């Protein structure tokens, strides 16, 4: 039972890191704002940041960006 809880916590933190990176990227902010030092967590955050930057560069902002926001799915 413990391992199931551990996996769920890991998924939750992974999703949370991705979402936070996405929001920073969508706001057009620098990747240097990544607060994570763990390489795996940082990679997930950076992936979210890149997705957010793509949306930002594509003109997605405000309501237009909601359909791409990973936290809304």
PDB file of N, CA and C in Angstrom:
ATOM      1  N   UNK A   1       0.821  -1.198   0.000  1.00  0.00           N
ATOM      2  CA  UNK A   1       0.000   0.000   0.000  1.00  0.00           C
ATOM      3  C   UNK A   1       0.865   1.262   0.000  1.00  0.00           C
ATOM      4  N   UNK A   2       1.959   1.220   0.695  1.00  0.00           N
ATOM      5  CA  UNK A   2       2.826   2.385   0.772  1.00  0.00           C
ATOM      6  C   UNK A   2       3.383   2.774  -0.596  1.00  0.00           C
ATOM      7  N   UNK A   3       3.777   1.776  -1.395  1.00  0.00           N
ATOM      8  CA  UNK A   3       4.359   2.091  -2.697  1.00  0.00           C
ATOM      9  C   UNK A   3       3.341   2.776  -3.608  1.00  0.00           C
ATOM     10  N   UNK A   4       2.079   2.425  -3.509  1.00  0.00           N
ATOM     11  CA  UNK A   4       1.040   3.071  -4.299  1.00  0.00           C
ATOM     12  C   UNK A   4       0.927   4.544  -3.904  1.00  0.00           C
ATOM     13  N   UNK A   5       0.991   4.811  -2.620  1.00  0.00           N
ATOM     14  CA  UNK A   5       0.940   6.182  -2.137  1.00  0.00           C
ATOM     15  C   UNK A   5       2.168   6.948  -2.604  1.00  0.00           C
ATOM     16  N   UNK A   6       3.323   6.308  -2.554  1.00  0.00           N
ATOM     17  CA  UNK A   6       4.556   6.951  -2.983  1.00  0.00           C
ATOM     18  C   UNK A   6       4.496   7.313  -4.473  1.00  0.00           C
ATOM     19  N   UNK A   7       3.974   6.408  -5.302  1.00  0.00           N
ATOM     20  CA  UNK A   7       3.871   6.695  -6.729  1.00  0.00           C
ATOM     21  C   UNK A   7       2.924   7.860  -6.983  1.00  0.00           C
ATOM     22  N   UNK A   8       1.798   7.886  -6.262  1.00  0.00           N
ATOM     23  CA  UNK A   8       0.839   8.973  -6.437  1.00  0.00           C
ATOM     24  C   UNK A   8       1.475  10.296  -6.032  1.00  0.00           C
ATOM     25  N   UNK A   9       2.220  10.320  -4.945  1.00  0.00           N
ATOM     26  CA  UNK A   9       2.882  11.549  -4.522  1.00  0.00           C
ATOM     27  C   UNK A   9       3.895  12.006  -5.566  1.00  0.00           C
ATOM     28  N   UNK A  10       4.611  11.054  -6.155  1.00  0.00           N
ATOM     29  CA  UNK A  10       5.590  11.412  -7.177  1.00  0.00           C
ATOM     30  C   UNK A  10       4.896  11.992  -8.400  1.00  0.00           C
ATOM     31  N   UNK A  11       3.787  11.380  -8.832  1.00  0.00           N
ATOM     32  CA  UNK A  11       3.037  11.913  -9.975  1.00  0.00           C
ATOM     33  C   UNK A  11       2.533  13.315  -9.664  1.00  0.00           C
ATOM     34  N   UNK A  12       2.017  13.498  -8.454  1.00  0.00           N
ATOM     35  CA  UNK A  12       1.494  14.805  -8.080  1.00  0.00           C
ATOM     36  C   UNK A  12       2.589  15.861  -8.108  1.00  0.00           C
ATOM     37  N   UNK A  13       3.756  15.558  -7.583  1.00  0.00           N
ATOM     38  CA  UNK A  13       4.835  16.550  -7.580  1.00  0.00           C
ATOM     39  C   UNK A  13       5.347  16.787  -8.994  1.00  0.00           C
ATOM     40  N   UNK A  14       5.395  15.747  -9.807  1.00  0.00           N
ATOM     41  CA  UNK A  14       5.825  15.905 -11.194  1.00  0.00           C
ATOM     42  C   UNK A  14       4.859  16.826 -11.933  1.00  0.00           C
ATOM     43  N   UNK A  15       3.584  16.601 -11.777  1.00  0.00           N
ATOM     44  CA  UNK A  15       2.575  17.444 -12.429  1.00  0.00           C
ATOM     45  C   UNK A  15       2.667  18.875 -11.917  1.00  0.00           C
ATOM     46  N   UNK A  16       2.868  19.021 -10.618  1.00  0.00           N
ATOM     47  CA  UNK A  16       2.981  20.343 -10.015  1.00  0.00           C
ATOM     48  C   UNK A  16       4.198  21.099 -10.575  1.00  0.00           C
ATOM     49  N   UNK A  17       5.337  20.414 -10.697  1.00  0.00           N
ATOM     50  CA  UNK A  17       6.534  21.048 -11.241  1.00  0.00           C
ATOM     51  C   UNK A  17       6.316  21.465 -12.699  1.00  0.00           C
ATOM     52  N   UNK A  18       5.698  20.584 -13.478  1.00  0.00           N
ATOM     53  CA  UNK A  18       5.415  20.907 -14.874  1.00  0.00           C
ATOM     54  C   UNK A  18       4.508  22.132 -14.961  1.00  0.00           C
ATOM     55  N   UNK A  19       3.442  22.139 -14.173  1.00  0.00           N
ATOM     56  CA  UNK A  19       2.486  23.251 -14.197  1.00  0.00           C
ATOM     57  C   UNK A  19       3.137  24.570 -13.814  1.00  0.00           C
ATOM     58  N   UNK A  20       3.991  24.540 -12.808  1.00  0.00           N
ATOM     59  CA  UNK A  20       4.660  25.777 -12.387  1.00  0.00           C
ATOM     60  C   UNK A  20       5.604  26.283 -13.470  1.00  0.00           C
ATOM     61  N   UNK A  21       6.327  25.372 -14.103  1.00  0.00           N
ATOM     62  CA  UNK A  21       7.191  25.766 -15.209  1.00  0.00           C
ATOM     63  C   UNK A  21       6.383  26.334 -16.363  1.00  0.00           C
ATOM     64  N   UNK A  22       5.247  25.697 -16.647  1.00  0.00           N
ATOM     65  CA  UNK A  22       4.369  26.159 -17.726  1.00  0.00           C
ATOM     66  C   UNK A  22       3.912  27.591 -17.465  1.00  0.00           C
ATOM     67  N   UNK A  23       3.477  27.860 -16.248  1.00  0.00           N
ATOM     68  CA  UNK A  23       2.985  29.196 -15.908  1.00  0.00           C
ATOM     69  C   UNK A  23       4.078  30.257 -16.053  1.00  0.00           C
ATOM     70  N   UNK A  24       5.295  29.925 -15.644  1.00  0.00           N
ATOM     71  CA  UNK A  24       6.410  30.865 -15.781  1.00  0.00           C
ATOM     72  C   UNK A  24       6.705  31.117 -17.263  1.00  0.00           C
ATOM     73  N   UNK A  25       6.731  30.050 -18.052  1.00  0.00           N
ATOM     74  CA  UNK A  25       6.976  30.196 -19.488  1.00  0.00           C
ATOM     75  C   UNK A  25       5.880  30.981 -20.182  1.00  0.00           C
ATOM     76  N   UNK A  26       4.644  30.721 -19.808  1.00  0.00           N
ATOM     77  CA  UNK A  26       3.501  31.410 -20.407  1.00  0.00           C
ATOM     78  C   UNK A  26       3.534  32.901 -20.092  1.00  0.00           C
ATOM     79  N   UNK A  27       4.090  33.238 -18.950  1.00  0.00           N
ATOM     80  CA  UNK A  27       4.205  34.647 -18.563  1.00  0.00           C
ATOM     81  C   UNK A  27       5.384  35.326 -19.264  1.00  0.00           C
ATOM     82  N   UNK A  28       6.162  34.558 -20.045  1.00  0.00           N
ATOM     83  CA  UNK A  28       7.282  35.123 -20.773  1.00  0.00           C
ATOM     84  C   UNK A  28       8.516  35.337 -19.915  1.00  0.00           C
ATOM     85  N   UNK A  29       8.548  34.672 -18.777  1.00  0.00           N
ATOM     86  CA  UNK A  29       9.675  34.857 -17.859  1.00  0.00           C
ATOM     87  C   UNK A  29      10.817  33.890 -18.167  1.00  0.00           C
ATOM     88  N   UNK A  30      11.967  34.189 -17.624  1.00  0.00           N
ATOM     89  CA  UNK A  30      13.188  33.443 -17.885  1.00  0.00           C
ATOM     90  C   UNK A  30      13.191  32.058 -17.223  1.00  0.00           C
ATOM     91  N   UNK A  31      13.835  31.114 -17.879  1.00  0.00           N
ATOM     92  CA  UNK A  31      14.004  29.776 -17.309  1.00  0.00           C
ATOM     93  C   UNK A  31      14.933  29.805 -16.098  1.00  0.00           C
ATOM     94  N   UNK A  32      15.670  30.889 -15.951  1.00  0.00           N
ATOM     95  CA  UNK A  32      16.555  31.035 -14.793  1.00  0.00           C
ATOM     96  C   UNK A  32      15.773  31.118 -13.484  1.00  0.00           C
ATOM     97  N   UNK A  33      14.475  31.264 -13.561  1.00  0.00           N
ATOM     98  CA  UNK A  33      13.641  31.336 -12.363  1.00  0.00           C
ATOM     99  C   UNK A  33      13.316  29.956 -11.790  1.00  0.00           C
ATOM    100  N   UNK A  34      13.784  28.899 -12.429  1.00  0.00           N
ATOM    101  CA  UNK A  34      13.529  27.545 -11.932  1.00  0.00           C
ATOM    102  C   UNK A  34      14.132  27.406 -10.537  1.00  0.00           C
ATOM    103  N   UNK A  35      13.293  27.076  -9.546  1.00  0.00           N
ATOM    104  CA  UNK A  35      13.769  26.985  -8.164  1.00  0.00           C
ATOM    105  C   UNK A  35      14.320  25.608  -7.786  1.00  0.00           C
ATOM    106  N   UNK A  36      14.289  24.658  -8.707  1.00  0.00           N
ATOM    107  CA  UNK A  36      14.616  23.275  -8.382  1.00  0.00           C
ATOM    108  C   UNK A  36      16.069  22.949  -8.666  1.00  0.00           C
ATOM    109  N   UNK A  37      16.669  22.157  -7.781  1.00  0.00           N
ATOM    110  CA  UNK A  37      18.063  21.744  -7.940  1.00  0.00           C
ATOM    111  C   UNK A  37      18.188  20.284  -8.365  1.00  0.00           C
ATOM    112  N   UNK A  38      17.219  19.457  -8.004  1.00  0.00           N
ATOM    113  CA  UNK A  38      17.225  18.053  -8.384  1.00  0.00           C
ATOM    114  C   UNK A  38      17.087  17.967  -9.903  1.00  0.00           C
ATOM    115  N   UNK A  39      17.987  17.234 -10.540  1.00  0.00           N
ATOM    116  CA  UNK A  39      18.011  17.191 -12.007  1.00  0.00           C
ATOM    117  C   UNK A  39      16.716  16.659 -12.621  1.00  0.00           C
ATOM    118  N   UNK A  40      16.120  15.629 -12.023  1.00  0.00           N
ATOM    119  CA  UNK A  40      14.869  15.076 -12.565  1.00  0.00           C
ATOM    120  C   UNK A  40      13.728  16.074 -12.441  1.00  0.00           C
ATOM    121  N   UNK A  41      13.607  16.690 -11.274  1.00  0.00           N
ATOM    122  CA  UNK A  41      12.548  17.678 -11.062  1.00  0.00           C
ATOM    123  C   UNK A  41      12.763  18.886 -11.968  1.00  0.00           C
ATOM    124  N   UNK A  42      14.017  19.303 -12.091  1.00  0.00           N
ATOM    125  CA  UNK A  42      14.340  20.454 -12.941  1.00  0.00           C
ATOM    126  C   UNK A  42      13.986  20.166 -14.406  1.00  0.00           C
ATOM    127  N   UNK A  43      14.230  18.939 -14.854  1.00  0.00           N
ATOM    128  CA  UNK A  43      13.904  18.563 -16.237  1.00  0.00           C
ATOM    129  C   UNK A  43      12.403  18.652 -16.487  1.00  0.00           C
ATOM    130  N   UNK A  44      11.604  18.235 -15.512  1.00  0.00           N
ATOM    131  CA  UNK A  44      10.147  18.310 -15.652  1.00  0.00           C
ATOM    132  C   UNK A  44       9.699  19.769 -15.681  1.00  0.00           C
ATOM    133  N   UNK A  45      10.263  20.573 -14.794  1.00  0.00           N
ATOM    134  CA  UNK A  45       9.934  21.996 -14.743  1.00  0.00           C
ATOM    135  C   UNK A  45      10.284  22.662 -16.073  1.00  0.00           C
ATOM    136  N   UNK A  46      11.472  22.346 -16.602  1.00  0.00           N
ATOM    137  CA  UNK A  46      11.923  22.932 -17.864  1.00  0.00           C
ATOM    138  C   UNK A  46      11.022  22.510 -19.028  1.00  0.00           C
ATOM    139  N   UNK A  47      10.541  21.290 -18.993  1.00  0.00           N
ATOM    140  CA  UNK A  47       9.617  20.824 -20.021  1.00  0.00           C
ATOM    141  C   UNK A  47       8.338  21.658 -19.991  1.00  0.00           C
ATOM    142  N   UNK A  48       7.830  21.908 -18.795  1.00  0.00           N
ATOM    143  CA  UNK A  48       6.657  22.769 -18.646  1.00  0.00           C
ATOM    144  C   UNK A  48       6.944  24.183 -19.113  1.00  0.00           C
ATOM    145  N   UNK A  49       8.132  24.677 -18.761  1.00  0.00           N
ATOM    146  CA  UNK A  49       8.525  26.037 -19.163  1.00  0.00           C
ATOM    147  C   UNK A  49       8.566  26.156 -20.693  1.00  0.00           C
ATOM    148  N   UNK A  50       9.145  25.138 -21.356  1.00  0.00           N
ATOM    149  CA  UNK A  50       9.208  25.167 -22.820  1.00  0.00           C
ATOM    150  C   UNK A  50       7.808  25.161 -23.436  1.00  0.00           C
ATOM    151  N   UNK A  51       6.910  24.365 -22.878  1.00  0.00           N
ATOM    152  CA  UNK A  51       5.530  24.342 -23.385  1.00  0.00           C
ATOM    153  C   UNK A  51       4.868  25.694 -23.186  1.00  0.00           C
ATOM    154  N   UNK A  52       5.105  26.287 -22.037  1.00  0.00           N
ATOM    155  CA  UNK A  52       4.549  27.615 -21.763  1.00  0.00           C
ATOM    156  C   UNK A  52       5.117  28.674 -22.691  1.00  0.00           C
ATOM    157  N   UNK A  53       6.416  28.590 -22.974  1.00  0.00           N
ATOM    158  CA  UNK A  53       7.037  29.561 -23.874  1.00  0.00           C
ATOM    159  C   UNK A  53       6.493  29.409 -25.294  1.00  0.00           C
ATOM    160  N   UNK A  54       6.274  28.169 -25.732  1.00  0.00           N
ATOM    161  CA  UNK A  54       5.687  27.949 -27.054  1.00  0.00           C
ATOM    162  C   UNK A  54       4.310  28.595 -27.138  1.00  0.00           C
ATOM    163  N   UNK A  55       3.538  28.442 -26.084  1.00  0.00           N
ATOM    164  CA  UNK A  55       2.214  29.062 -26.053  1.00  0.00           C
ATOM    165  C   UNK A  55       2.341  30.583 -26.046  1.00  0.00           C
ATOM    166  N   UNK A  56       3.296  31.092 -25.299  1.00  0.00           N
ATOM    167  CA  UNK A  56       3.544  32.539 -25.228  1.00  0.00           C
ATOM    168  C   UNK A  56       3.944  33.084 -26.596  1.00  0.00           C
ATOM    169  N   UNK A  57       4.885  32.408 -27.250  1.00  0.00           N
ATOM    170  CA  UNK A  57       5.336  32.833 -28.572  1.00  0.00           C
ATOM    171  C   UNK A  57       4.230  32.704 -29.616  1.00  0.00           C
ATOM    172  N   UNK A  58       3.335  31.774 -29.392  1.00  0.00           N
ATOM    173  CA  UNK A  58       2.213  31.587 -30.307  1.00  0.00           C
ATOM    174  C   UNK A  58       1.074  32.562 -30.060  1.00  0.00           C
ATOM    175  N   UNK A  59       1.286  33.507 -29.144  1.00  0.00           N
ATOM    176  CA  UNK A  59       0.267  34.520 -28.885  1.00  0.00           C
ATOM    177  C   UNK A  59      -0.784  34.083 -27.895  1.00  0.00           C
ATOM    178  N   UNK A  60      -0.560  32.952 -27.249  1.00  0.00           N
ATOM    179  CA  UNK A  60      -1.531  32.473 -26.268  1.00  0.00           C
ATOM    180  C   UNK A  60      -1.369  33.254 -24.968  1.00  0.00           C
ATOM    181  N   UNK A  61      -2.448  33.857 -24.551  1.00  0.00           N
ATOM    182  CA  UNK A  61      -2.443  34.523 -23.256  1.00  0.00           C
ATOM    183  C   UNK A  61      -3.882  34.638 -22.781  1.00  0.00           C
ATOM    184  N   UNK A  62      -4.032  34.825 -21.515  1.00  0.00           N
ATOM    185  CA  UNK A  62      -5.367  34.981 -20.949  1.00  0.00           C
ATOM    186  C   UNK A  62      -6.251  33.781 -21.249  1.00  0.00           C
ATOM    187  N   UNK A  63      -7.455  34.037 -21.675  1.00  0.00           N
ATOM    188  CA  UNK A  63      -8.439  32.988 -21.944  1.00  0.00           C
ATOM    189  C   UNK A  63      -7.981  32.075 -23.083  1.00  0.00           C
ATOM    190  N   UNK A  64      -7.280  32.620 -24.052  1.00  0.00           N
ATOM    191  CA  UNK A  64      -6.806  31.819 -25.195  1.00  0.00           C
ATOM    192  C   UNK A  64      -5.849  30.737 -24.765  1.00  0.00           C
ATOM    193  N   UNK A  65      -5.146  30.938 -23.671  1.00  0.00           N
ATOM    194  CA  UNK A  65      -4.162  29.954 -23.207  1.00  0.00           C
ATOM    195  C   UNK A  65      -4.777  28.879 -22.321  1.00  0.00           C
ATOM    196  N   UNK A  66      -5.990  29.063 -21.875  1.00  0.00           N
ATOM    197  CA  UNK A  66      -6.605  28.110 -20.954  1.00  0.00           C
ATOM    198  C   UNK A  66      -6.712  26.705 -21.514  1.00  0.00           C
ATOM    199  N   UNK A  67      -7.029  26.571 -22.787  1.00  0.00           N
ATOM    200  CA  UNK A  67      -7.198  25.230 -23.353  1.00  0.00           C
ATOM    201  C   UNK A  67      -5.887  24.478 -23.432  1.00  0.00           C
ATOM    202  N   UNK A  68      -4.754  25.178 -23.392  1.00  0.00           N
ATOM    203  CA  UNK A  68      -3.440  24.528 -23.429  1.00  0.00           C
ATOM    204  C   UNK A  68      -2.845  24.355 -22.048  1.00  0.00           C
ATOM    205  N   UNK A  69      -3.426  24.997 -21.040  1.00  0.00           N
ATOM    206  CA  UNK A  69      -2.891  24.958 -19.688  1.00  0.00           C
ATOM    207  C   UNK A  69      -3.026  23.536 -19.134  1.00  0.00           C
ATOM    208  N   UNK A  70      -1.909  22.895 -18.794  1.00  0.00           N
ATOM    209  CA  UNK A  70      -1.957  21.512 -18.314  1.00  0.00           C
ATOM    210  C   UNK A  70      -2.681  21.350 -16.996  1.00  0.00           C
ATOM    211  N   UNK A  71      -2.770  22.385 -16.191  1.00  0.00           N
ATOM    212  CA  UNK A  71      -3.455  22.268 -14.917  1.00  0.00           C
ATOM    213  C   UNK A  71      -4.974  22.294 -15.091  1.00  0.00           C
ATOM    214  N   UNK A  72      -5.445  22.656 -16.261  1.00  0.00           N
ATOM    215  CA  UNK A  72      -6.886  22.717 -16.510  1.00  0.00           C
ATOM    216  C   UNK A  72      -7.428  21.405 -17.072  1.00  0.00           C
ATOM    217  N   UNK A  73      -6.565  20.439 -17.269  1.00  0.00           N
ATOM    218  CA  UNK A  73      -6.990  19.178 -17.887  1.00  0.00           C
ATOM    219  C   UNK A  73      -7.214  18.156 -16.926  1.00  0.00           C
TER     220      UNK A  73
END
